[in-house]
Amino acid sequence: HSDLGPRGLKQLVDNLGSGSAWKILAVTVLTSLSASDLE
């Protein structure tokens, strides 16, 4: 989840290493959420 924040995301990716077999994708905003939900 992208809500780990910039430091949390970087710490996680750095620890996995650039040669990791995984492609790490960050979830931005769930497609079930509307503008009123976000407000």
PDB file of all heavy atoms in Angstrom:
ATOM      1  N   HIS A   1       0.834  -1.200   0.000  1.00  0.00           N
ATOM      2  CA  HIS A   1       0.000   0.000   0.000  1.00  0.00           C
ATOM      3  C   HIS A   1       0.867   1.248   0.000  1.00  0.00           C
ATOM      4  O   HIS A   1       1.832   1.342   0.759  1.00  0.00           O
ATOM      5  CB  HIS A   1      -0.954   0.009   1.199  1.00  0.00           C
ATOM      6  CG  HIS A   1      -2.221   0.747   0.900  1.00  0.00           C
ATOM      7  ND1 HIS A   1      -2.250   2.122   0.751  1.00  0.00           N
ATOM      8  CD2 HIS A   1      -3.484   0.324   0.676  1.00  0.00           C
ATOM      9  CE1 HIS A   1      -3.487   2.504   0.470  1.00  0.00           C
ATOM     10  NE2 HIS A   1      -4.247   1.429   0.402  1.00  0.00           N
ATOM     11  N   SER A   2       0.507   2.206  -0.836  1.00  0.00           N
ATOM     12  CA  SER A   2       1.270   3.453  -0.920  1.00  0.00           C
ATOM     13  C   SER A   2       1.240   4.238   0.384  1.00  0.00           C
ATOM     14  O   SER A   2       2.105   5.091   0.622  1.00  0.00           O
ATOM     15  CB  SER A   2       0.729   4.335  -2.057  1.00  0.00           C
ATOM     16  OG  SER A   2      -0.626   4.672  -1.817  1.00  0.00           O
ATOM     17  N   ASP A   3       0.261   3.964   1.246  1.00  0.00           N
ATOM     18  CA  ASP A   3       0.158   4.694   2.505  1.00  0.00           C
ATOM     19  C   ASP A   3       1.263   4.326   3.494  1.00  0.00           C
ATOM     20  O   ASP A   3       1.304   4.881   4.601  1.00  0.00           O
ATOM     21  CB  ASP A   3      -1.217   4.479   3.145  1.00  0.00           C
ATOM     22  CG  ASP A   3      -2.299   5.285   2.454  1.00  0.00           C
ATOM     23  OD1 ASP A   3      -1.961   6.058   1.535  1.00  0.00           O
ATOM     24  OD2 ASP A   3      -3.485   5.149   2.808  1.00  0.00           O
ATOM     25  N   LEU A   4       2.163   3.405   3.125  1.00  0.00           N
ATOM     26  CA  LEU A   4       3.362   3.221   3.931  1.00  0.00           C
ATOM     27  C   LEU A   4       4.185   4.508   3.964  1.00  0.00           C
ATOM     28  O   LEU A   4       5.015   4.696   4.847  1.00  0.00           O
ATOM     29  CB  LEU A   4       4.236   2.100   3.362  1.00  0.00           C
ATOM     30  CG  LEU A   4       3.961   0.680   3.868  1.00  0.00           C
ATOM     31  CD1 LEU A   4       2.728   0.094   3.214  1.00  0.00           C
ATOM     32  CD2 LEU A   4       5.150  -0.226   3.594  1.00  0.00           C
ATOM     33  N   GLY A   5       3.941   5.383   2.984  1.00  0.00           N
ATOM     34  CA  GLY A   5       4.644   6.660   2.944  1.00  0.00           C
ATOM     35  C   GLY A   5       5.977   6.564   2.242  1.00  0.00           C
ATOM     36  O   GLY A   5       6.503   5.467   2.015  1.00  0.00           O
ATOM     37  N   PRO A   6       6.561   7.710   1.887  1.00  0.00           N
ATOM     38  CA  PRO A   6       7.799   7.692   1.101  1.00  0.00           C
ATOM     39  C   PRO A   6       8.949   6.971   1.786  1.00  0.00           C
ATOM     40  O   PRO A   6       9.677   6.207   1.148  1.00  0.00           O
ATOM     41  CB  PRO A   6       8.112   9.180   0.887  1.00  0.00           C
ATOM     42  CG  PRO A   6       7.264   9.925   1.863  1.00  0.00           C
ATOM     43  CD  PRO A   6       6.063   9.078   2.112  1.00  0.00           C
ATOM     44  N   ARG A   7       9.138   7.184   3.094  1.00  0.00           N
ATOM     45  CA  ARG A   7      10.242   6.514   3.784  1.00  0.00           C
ATOM     46  C   ARG A   7       9.997   5.016   3.903  1.00  0.00           C
ATOM     47  O   ARG A   7      10.901   4.196   3.709  1.00  0.00           O
ATOM     48  CB  ARG A   7      10.446   7.116   5.172  1.00  0.00           C
ATOM     49  CG  ARG A   7      11.136   8.486   5.148  1.00  0.00           C
ATOM     50  CD  ARG A   7      11.385   8.985   6.556  1.00  0.00           C
ATOM     51  NE  ARG A   7      10.123   9.122   7.287  1.00  0.00           N
ATOM     52  CZ  ARG A   7      10.026   9.282   8.611  1.00  0.00           C
ATOM     53  NH1 ARG A   7      11.119   9.287   9.365  1.00  0.00           N
ATOM     54  NH2 ARG A   7       8.855   9.429   9.197  1.00  0.00           N
ATOM     55  N   GLY A   8       8.737   4.650   4.234  1.00  0.00           N
ATOM     56  CA  GLY A   8       8.410   3.238   4.367  1.00  0.00           C
ATOM     57  C   GLY A   8       8.536   2.484   3.056  1.00  0.00           C
ATOM     58  O   GLY A   8       9.074   1.373   3.014  1.00  0.00           O
ATOM     59  N   LEU A   9       8.072   3.100   1.978  1.00  0.00           N
ATOM     60  CA  LEU A   9       8.180   2.474   0.661  1.00  0.00           C
ATOM     61  C   LEU A   9       9.645   2.277   0.272  1.00  0.00           C
ATOM     62  O   LEU A   9      10.050   1.210  -0.191  1.00  0.00           O
ATOM     63  CB  LEU A   9       7.478   3.340  -0.392  1.00  0.00           C
ATOM     64  CG  LEU A   9       5.943   3.403  -0.344  1.00  0.00           C
ATOM     65  CD1 LEU A   9       5.439   4.491  -1.281  1.00  0.00           C
ATOM     66  CD2 LEU A   9       5.325   2.061  -0.708  1.00  0.00           C
ATOM     67  N   LYS A  10      10.441   3.328   0.480  1.00  0.00           N
ATOM     68  CA  LYS A  10      11.858   3.235   0.090  1.00  0.00           C
ATOM     69  C   LYS A  10      12.600   2.204   0.946  1.00  0.00           C
ATOM     70  O   LYS A  10      13.422   1.424   0.425  1.00  0.00           O
ATOM     71  CB  LYS A  10      12.527   4.603   0.214  1.00  0.00           C
ATOM     72  CG  LYS A  10      13.938   4.608  -0.379  1.00  0.00           C
ATOM     73  CD  LYS A  10      14.533   6.001  -0.397  1.00  0.00           C
ATOM     74  CE  LYS A  10      15.829   6.027  -1.190  1.00  0.00           C
ATOM     75  NZ  LYS A  10      16.774   4.987  -0.834  1.00  0.00           N
ATOM     76  N   GLN A  11      12.306   2.192   2.233  1.00  0.00           N
ATOM     77  CA  GLN A  11      12.957   1.224   3.115  1.00  0.00           C
ATOM     78  C   GLN A  11      12.645  -0.199   2.675  1.00  0.00           C
ATOM     79  O   GLN A  11      13.522  -1.068   2.631  1.00  0.00           O
ATOM     80  CB  GLN A  11      12.492   1.436   4.558  1.00  0.00           C
ATOM     81  CG  GLN A  11      13.152   0.503   5.560  1.00  0.00           C
ATOM     82  CD  GLN A  11      12.655   0.735   6.974  1.00  0.00           C
ATOM     83  OE1 GLN A  11      12.135   1.810   7.295  1.00  0.00           O
ATOM     84  NE2 GLN A  11      12.803  -0.264   7.827  1.00  0.00           N
ATOM     85  N   LEU A  12      11.395  -0.424   2.303  1.00  0.00           N
ATOM     86  CA  LEU A  12      10.979  -1.756   1.882  1.00  0.00           C
ATOM     87  C   LEU A  12      11.668  -2.159   0.579  1.00  0.00           C
ATOM     88  O   LEU A  12      12.244  -3.245   0.476  1.00  0.00           O
ATOM     89  CB  LEU A  12       9.460  -1.784   1.712  1.00  0.00           C
ATOM     90  CG  LEU A  12       8.847  -3.101   1.256  1.00  0.00           C
ATOM     91  CD1 LEU A  12       9.117  -4.201   2.274  1.00  0.00           C
ATOM     92  CD2 LEU A  12       7.348  -2.939   1.040  1.00  0.00           C
ATOM     93  N   VAL A  13      11.626  -1.279  -0.412  1.00  0.00           N
ATOM     94  CA  VAL A  13      12.229  -1.589  -1.709  1.00  0.00           C
ATOM     95  C   VAL A  13      13.738  -1.771  -1.572  1.00  0.00           C
ATOM     96  O   VAL A  13      14.328  -2.689  -2.154  1.00  0.00           O
ATOM     97  CB  VAL A  13      11.890  -0.488  -2.738  1.00  0.00           C
ATOM     98  CG1 VAL A  13      12.647  -0.729  -4.047  1.00  0.00           C
ATOM     99  CG2 VAL A  13      10.392  -0.446  -3.005  1.00  0.00           C
ATOM    100  N   ASP A  14      14.393  -0.918  -0.788  1.00  0.00           N
ATOM    101  CA  ASP A  14      15.838  -1.028  -0.601  1.00  0.00           C
ATOM    102  C   ASP A  14      16.211  -2.354   0.043  1.00  0.00           C
ATOM    103  O   ASP A  14      17.225  -2.974  -0.314  1.00  0.00           O
ATOM    104  CB  ASP A  14      16.355   0.127   0.255  1.00  0.00           C
ATOM    105  CG  ASP A  14      16.392   1.448  -0.496  1.00  0.00           C
ATOM    106  OD1 ASP A  14      16.185   1.436  -1.725  1.00  0.00           O
ATOM    107  OD2 ASP A  14      16.600   2.487   0.154  1.00  0.00           O
ATOM    108  N   ASN A  15      15.422  -2.806   0.994  1.00  0.00           N
ATOM    109  CA  ASN A  15      15.723  -4.061   1.682  1.00  0.00           C
ATOM    110  C   ASN A  15      15.503  -5.271   0.785  1.00  0.00           C
ATOM    111  O   ASN A  15      16.156  -6.301   0.956  1.00  0.00           O
ATOM    112  CB  ASN A  15      14.886  -4.191   2.956  1.00  0.00           C
ATOM    113  CG  ASN A  15      15.529  -3.490   4.140  1.00  0.00           C
ATOM    114  OD1 ASN A  15      16.530  -3.940   4.683  1.00  0.00           O
ATOM    115  ND2 ASN A  15      14.966  -2.351   4.520  1.00  0.00           N
ATOM    116  N   LEU A  16      14.569  -5.165  -0.163  1.00  0.00           N
ATOM    117  CA  LEU A  16      14.358  -6.266  -1.100  1.00  0.00           C
ATOM    118  C   LEU A  16      15.487  -6.344  -2.120  1.00  0.00           C
ATOM    119  O   LEU A  16      15.790  -7.410  -2.640  1.00  0.00           O
ATOM    120  CB  LEU A  16      13.016  -6.103  -1.822  1.00  0.00           C
ATOM    121  CG  LEU A  16      11.781  -6.437  -0.989  1.00  0.00           C
ATOM    122  CD1 LEU A  16      10.519  -6.012  -1.713  1.00  0.00           C
ATOM    123  CD2 LEU A  16      11.732  -7.926  -0.680  1.00  0.00           C
ATOM    124  N   GLY A  17      16.089  -5.193  -2.409  1.00  0.00           N
ATOM    125  CA  GLY A  17      17.219  -5.180  -3.329  1.00  0.00           C
ATOM    126  C   GLY A  17      16.798  -4.951  -4.762  1.00  0.00           C
ATOM    127  O   GLY A  17      15.723  -5.384  -5.187  1.00  0.00           O
ATOM    128  N   SER A  18      17.648  -4.286  -5.504  1.00  0.00           N
ATOM    129  CA  SER A  18      17.319  -3.945  -6.889  1.00  0.00           C
ATOM    130  C   SER A  18      17.245  -5.173  -7.784  1.00  0.00           C
ATOM    131  O   SER A  18      16.616  -5.159  -8.831  1.00  0.00           O
ATOM    132  CB  SER A  18      18.359  -2.964  -7.448  1.00  0.00           C
ATOM    133  OG  SER A  18      19.647  -3.537  -7.386  1.00  0.00           O
ATOM    134  N   GLY A  19      17.883  -6.254  -7.368  1.00  0.00           N
ATOM    135  CA  GLY A  19      17.865  -7.463  -8.186  1.00  0.00           C
ATOM    136  C   GLY A  19      16.740  -8.409  -7.834  1.00  0.00           C
ATOM    137  O   GLY A  19      16.723  -9.552  -8.289  1.00  0.00           O
ATOM    138  N   SER A  20      15.783  -7.946  -7.039  1.00  0.00           N
ATOM    139  CA  SER A  20      14.676  -8.801  -6.607  1.00  0.00           C
ATOM    140  C   SER A  20      13.864  -9.298  -7.792  1.00  0.00           C
ATOM    141  O   SER A  20      13.677  -8.597  -8.784  1.00  0.00           O
ATOM    142  CB  SER A  20      13.766  -8.012  -5.657  1.00  0.00           C
ATOM    143  OG  SER A  20      12.579  -8.714  -5.412  1.00  0.00           O
ATOM    144  N   ALA A  21      13.388 -10.527  -7.684  1.00  0.00           N
ATOM    145  CA  ALA A  21      12.567 -11.103  -8.754  1.00  0.00           C
ATOM    146  C   ALA A  21      11.172 -10.500  -8.773  1.00  0.00           C
ATOM    147  O   ALA A  21      10.475 -10.569  -9.776  1.00  0.00           O
ATOM    148  CB  ALA A  21      12.483 -12.611  -8.577  1.00  0.00           C
ATOM    149  N   TRP A  22      10.758  -9.914  -7.649  1.00  0.00           N
ATOM    150  CA  TRP A  22       9.408  -9.355  -7.584  1.00  0.00           C
ATOM    151  C   TRP A  22       9.356  -7.980  -8.233  1.00  0.00           C
ATOM    152  O   TRP A  22      10.287  -7.193  -8.110  1.00  0.00           O
ATOM    153  CB  TRP A  22       8.972  -9.209  -6.133  1.00  0.00           C
ATOM    154  CG  TRP A  22       8.904 -10.474  -5.363  1.00  0.00           C
ATOM    155  CD1 TRP A  22       7.967 -11.457  -5.462  1.00  0.00           C
ATOM    156  CD2 TRP A  22       9.824 -10.913  -4.360  1.00  0.00           C
ATOM    157  NE1 TRP A  22       8.241 -12.470  -4.588  1.00  0.00           N
ATOM    158  CE2 TRP A  22       9.378 -12.171  -3.896  1.00  0.00           C
ATOM    159  CE3 TRP A  22      10.977 -10.373  -3.814  1.00  0.00           C
ATOM    160  CZ2 TRP A  22      10.047 -12.877  -2.915  1.00  0.00           C
ATOM    161  CZ3 TRP A  22      11.651 -11.076  -2.837  1.00  0.00           C
ATOM    162  CH2 TRP A  22      11.186 -12.319  -2.394  1.00  0.00           C
ATOM    163  N   LYS A  23       8.250  -7.703  -8.870  1.00  0.00           N
ATOM    164  CA  LYS A  23       7.939  -6.335  -9.260  1.00  0.00           C
ATOM    165  C   LYS A  23       6.968  -5.811  -8.206  1.00  0.00           C
ATOM    166  O   LYS A  23       5.867  -6.333  -8.062  1.00  0.00           O
ATOM    167  CB  LYS A  23       7.325  -6.295 -10.657  1.00  0.00           C
ATOM    168  CG  LYS A  23       8.337  -6.566 -11.769  1.00  0.00           C
ATOM    169  CD  LYS A  23       7.687  -6.414 -13.131  1.00  0.00           C
ATOM    170  CE  LYS A  23       8.737  -6.476 -14.243  1.00  0.00           C
ATOM    171  NZ  LYS A  23       9.406  -7.775 -14.310  1.00  0.00           N
ATOM    172  N   ILE A  24       7.392  -4.811  -7.456  1.00  0.00           N
ATOM    173  CA  ILE A  24       6.590  -4.277  -6.365  1.00  0.00           C
ATOM    174  C   ILE A  24       5.707  -3.153  -6.886  1.00  0.00           C
ATOM    175  O   ILE A  24       6.203  -2.163  -7.442  1.00  0.00           O
ATOM    176  CB  ILE A  24       7.482  -3.762  -5.227  1.00  0.00           C
ATOM    177  CG1 ILE A  24       8.395  -4.872  -4.713  1.00  0.00           C
ATOM    178  CG2 ILE A  24       6.624  -3.204  -4.091  1.00  0.00           C
ATOM    179  CD1 ILE A  24       7.671  -6.037  -4.096  1.00  0.00           C
ATOM    180  N   LEU A  25       4.416  -3.324  -6.717  1.00  0.00           N
ATOM    181  CA  LEU A  25       3.446  -2.315  -7.143  1.00  0.00           C
ATOM    182  C   LEU A  25       2.793  -1.686  -5.921  1.00  0.00           C
ATOM    183  O   LEU A  25       2.390  -2.386  -4.990  1.00  0.00           O
ATOM    184  CB  LEU A  25       2.362  -2.943  -8.019  1.00  0.00           C
ATOM    185  CG  LEU A  25       2.817  -3.735  -9.241  1.00  0.00           C
ATOM    186  CD1 LEU A  25       1.600  -4.290  -9.970  1.00  0.00           C
ATOM    187  CD2 LEU A  25       3.647  -2.875 -10.176  1.00  0.00           C
ATOM    188  N   ALA A  26       2.661  -0.374  -5.923  1.00  0.00           N
ATOM    189  CA  ALA A  26       2.008   0.333  -4.828  1.00  0.00           C
ATOM    190  C   ALA A  26       0.546   0.607  -5.190  1.00  0.00           C
ATOM    191  O   ALA A  26       0.252   1.105  -6.274  1.00  0.00           O
ATOM    192  CB  ALA A  26       2.724   1.644  -4.537  1.00  0.00           C
ATOM    193  N   VAL A  27      -0.338   0.265  -4.281  1.00  0.00           N
ATOM    194  CA  VAL A  27      -1.761   0.557  -4.472  1.00  0.00           C
ATOM    195  C   VAL A  27      -1.974   2.041  -4.180  1.00  0.00           C
ATOM    196  O   VAL A  27      -1.558   2.538  -3.127  1.00  0.00           O
ATOM    197  CB  VAL A  27      -2.627  -0.297  -3.530  1.00  0.00           C
ATOM    198  CG1 VAL A  27      -4.098   0.072  -3.666  1.00  0.00           C
ATOM    199  CG2 VAL A  27      -2.413  -1.770  -3.820  1.00  0.00           C
ATOM    200  N   THR A  28      -2.616   2.751  -5.097  1.00  0.00           N
ATOM    201  CA  THR A  28      -2.816   4.192  -4.918  1.00  0.00           C
ATOM    202  C   THR A  28      -4.145   4.463  -4.212  1.00  0.00           C
ATOM    203  O   THR A  28      -4.182   4.662  -3.006  1.00  0.00           O
ATOM    204  CB  THR A  28      -2.745   4.910  -6.269  1.00  0.00           C
ATOM    205  OG1 THR A  28      -3.689   4.299  -7.187  1.00  0.00           O
ATOM    206  CG2 THR A  28      -1.344   4.838  -6.862  1.00  0.00           C
ATOM    207  N   VAL A  29      -5.241   4.444  -4.969  1.00  0.00           N
ATOM    208  CA  VAL A  29      -6.578   4.677  -4.414  1.00  0.00           C
ATOM    209  C   VAL A  29      -7.477   3.550  -4.895  1.00  0.00           C
ATOM    210  O   VAL A  29      -7.595   3.334  -6.110  1.00  0.00           O
ATOM    211  CB  VAL A  29      -7.148   6.039  -4.856  1.00  0.00           C
ATOM    212  CG1 VAL A  29      -8.554   6.244  -4.300  1.00  0.00           C
ATOM    213  CG2 VAL A  29      -6.229   7.180  -4.410  1.00  0.00           C
ATOM    214  N   LEU A  30      -8.099   2.832  -3.984  1.00  0.00           N
ATOM    215  CA  LEU A  30      -8.955   1.710  -4.369  1.00  0.00           C
ATOM    216  C   LEU A  30     -10.022   2.151  -5.363  1.00  0.00           C
ATOM    217  O   LEU A  30     -10.615   3.227  -5.218  1.00  0.00           O
ATOM    218  CB  LEU A  30      -9.629   1.109  -3.133  1.00  0.00           C
ATOM    219  CG  LEU A  30      -8.717   0.470  -2.076  1.00  0.00           C
ATOM    220  CD1 LEU A  30      -9.555  -0.008  -0.896  1.00  0.00           C
ATOM    221  CD2 LEU A  30      -7.921  -0.681  -2.663  1.00  0.00           C
ATOM    222  N   THR A  31     -10.281   1.304  -6.355  1.00  0.00           N
ATOM    223  CA  THR A  31     -11.274   1.651  -7.373  1.00  0.00           C
ATOM    224  C   THR A  31     -12.701   1.625  -6.827  1.00  0.00           C
ATOM    225  O   THR A  31     -13.625   2.054  -7.505  1.00  0.00           O
ATOM    226  CB  THR A  31     -11.166   0.700  -8.577  1.00  0.00           C
ATOM    227  OG1 THR A  31     -11.162  -0.657  -8.112  1.00  0.00           O
ATOM    228  CG2 THR A  31      -9.890   0.959  -9.353  1.00  0.00           C
ATOM    229  N   SER A  32     -12.876   1.132  -5.608  1.00  0.00           N
ATOM    230  CA  SER A  32     -14.203   1.144  -4.982  1.00  0.00           C
ATOM    231  C   SER A  32     -14.499   2.474  -4.300  1.00  0.00           C
ATOM    232  O   SER A  32     -15.631   2.714  -3.859  1.00  0.00           O
ATOM    233  CB  SER A  32     -14.310   0.015  -3.950  1.00  0.00           C
ATOM    234  OG  SER A  32     -13.326   0.165  -2.942  1.00  0.00           O
ATOM    235  N   LEU A  33     -13.491   3.365  -4.200  1.00  0.00           N
ATOM    236  CA  LEU A  33     -13.670   4.644  -3.516  1.00  0.00           C
ATOM    237  C   LEU A  33     -14.094   5.732  -4.497  1.00  0.00           C
ATOM    238  O   LEU A  33     -13.517   5.880  -5.574  1.00  0.00           O
ATOM    239  CB  LEU A  33     -12.377   5.062  -2.821  1.00  0.00           C
ATOM    240  CG  LEU A  33     -11.910   4.193  -1.647  1.00  0.00           C
ATOM    241  CD1 LEU A  33     -10.564   4.671  -1.126  1.00  0.00           C
ATOM    242  CD2 LEU A  33     -12.942   4.175  -0.533  1.00  0.00           C
ATOM    243  N   SER A  34     -15.091   6.497  -4.076  1.00  0.00           N
ATOM    244  CA  SER A  34     -15.563   7.627  -4.869  1.00  0.00           C
ATOM    245  C   SER A  34     -15.022   8.921  -4.275  1.00  0.00           C
ATOM    246  O   SER A  34     -14.387   8.928  -3.206  1.00  0.00           O
ATOM    247  CB  SER A  34     -17.091   7.670  -4.852  1.00  0.00           C
ATOM    248  OG  SER A  34     -17.556   7.924  -3.532  1.00  0.00           O
ATOM    249  N   ALA A  35     -15.295  10.035  -4.944  1.00  0.00           N
ATOM    250  CA  ALA A  35     -14.856  11.333  -4.432  1.00  0.00           C
ATOM    251  C   ALA A  35     -15.463  11.619  -3.062  1.00  0.00           C
ATOM    252  O   ALA A  35     -14.795  12.138  -2.162  1.00  0.00           O
ATOM    253  CB  ALA A  35     -15.235  12.429  -5.429  1.00  0.00           C
ATOM    254  N   SER A  36     -16.740  11.258  -2.875  1.00  0.00           N
ATOM    255  CA  SER A  36     -17.384  11.497  -1.578  1.00  0.00           C
ATOM    256  C   SER A  36     -16.751  10.644  -0.481  1.00  0.00           C
ATOM    257  O   SER A  36     -16.633  11.077   0.672  1.00  0.00           O
ATOM    258  CB  SER A  36     -18.889  11.234  -1.670  1.00  0.00           C
ATOM    259  OG  SER A  36     -19.147   9.892  -2.059  1.00  0.00           O
ATOM    260  N   ASP A  37     -16.319   9.435  -0.821  1.00  0.00           N
ATOM    261  CA  ASP A  37     -15.631   8.588   0.148  1.00  0.00           C
ATOM    262  C   ASP A  37     -14.324   9.247   0.593  1.00  0.00           C
ATOM    263  O   ASP A  37     -13.998   9.279   1.787  1.00  0.00           O
ATOM    264  CB  ASP A  37     -15.307   7.213  -0.453  1.00  0.00           C
ATOM    265  CG  ASP A  37     -16.537   6.364  -0.696  1.00  0.00           C
ATOM    266  OD1 ASP A  37     -17.474   6.425   0.115  1.00  0.00           O
ATOM    267  OD2 ASP A  37     -16.557   5.643  -1.709  1.00  0.00           O
ATOM    268  N   LEU A  38     -13.575   9.761  -0.372  1.00  0.00           N
ATOM    269  CA  LEU A  38     -12.293  10.384  -0.053  1.00  0.00           C
ATOM    270  C   LEU A  38     -12.487  11.625   0.805  1.00  0.00           C
ATOM    271  O   LEU A  38     -11.696  11.887   1.723  1.00  0.00           O
ATOM    272  CB  LEU A  38     -11.549  10.733  -1.345  1.00  0.00           C
ATOM    273  CG  LEU A  38     -11.100   9.542  -2.188  1.00  0.00           C
ATOM    274  CD1 LEU A  38     -10.565  10.013  -3.532  1.00  0.00           C
ATOM    275  CD2 LEU A  38     -10.040   8.722  -1.461  1.00  0.00           C
ATOM    276  N   GLU A  39     -13.540  12.379   0.525  1.00  0.00           N
ATOM    277  CA  GLU A  39     -13.825  13.565   1.328  1.00  0.00           C
ATOM    278  C   GLU A  39     -14.167  13.166   2.758  1.00  0.00           C
ATOM    279  O   GLU A  39     -13.703  13.783   3.721  1.00  0.00           O
ATOM    280  CB  GLU A  39     -14.970  14.360   0.701  1.00  0.00           C
ATOM    281  CG  GLU A  39     -15.029  15.799   1.163  1.00  0.00           C
ATOM    282  CD  GLU A  39     -15.800  16.685   0.208  1.00  0.00           C
ATOM    283  OE1 GLU A  39     -16.446  16.160  -0.723  1.00  0.00           O
ATOM    284  OE2 GLU A  39     -15.758  17.907   0.408  1.00  0.00           O
TER     285      GLU A  39
END
